[in-house]
């Protein structure tokens, strides 16, 4: 993903909504990635922008965002890194795996097919995850943020048909990928973290994806969170540590 152009005019309510949703998804993407010094700094900036004064009504998403930002800002980078590694560790573990294929597949061949499908989805929009795992939650959230951003650009330029293309892409991505497993993952994060900012991050993830699905009219399964432990698929990568799952600046270079 190339660096995004300057800010777009915000006269239209749909445009303002697309921009704010893109910013919120950037917070989530950065928060679930390994908090290297650079990524931690970006996350602080994203949090300040996303949680700034809002004239809109207080929603479930807004409450969850403010709660997470408040807890996050009470920790320095070392403390946040310690908490992050306590829950997610340096490898993808079964009790709180941040990768889609661990929830939607049951053997390595299915996992390979799922990752190939995700890679194809990204490449449709000229994007490449490079050396990162395409099915990591941080990567999927960054991709949704990118689609929201592109929707806002189309709206700012008065191209309603183009905006609809990106809206449909968001719906398909939620229905075929992130929307299938986010609730199970959020439940495991809450269970393992027990307390602290990552519990609030899981609440924010669940509230945000639910809102995205409703706003795009995505048909998501009504799954119980009382599900078996995720299937442990070996990734061959160490998250966030030089060629791991999530790099410091974001998978697509945003």
Foldseek 3Di string as FASTA:
>chain_A
DDDDDDDFDDPDPLLVVLLLLLLLLLLLLLLLAQPDVLSVVVNLVSLCVNLDDDPDDDDLLNVLSVVLNVLSVVDDSVVSNVLSCQQCNQFQDQLQGQFFCLAVDADQVSSVVLQVVLQVLQVVVPFGLPLARSRGNSNLSNVLSVLSVQLSVCVSVVNNVSNVVSLVSSLVCLASTDVAPLLLNLVSQCVSSVDTSSVSSSSSSVVSSVVSCVVSVHDGDPDDSPDDTGHDDGDVATGADVSHHADRCGRRND
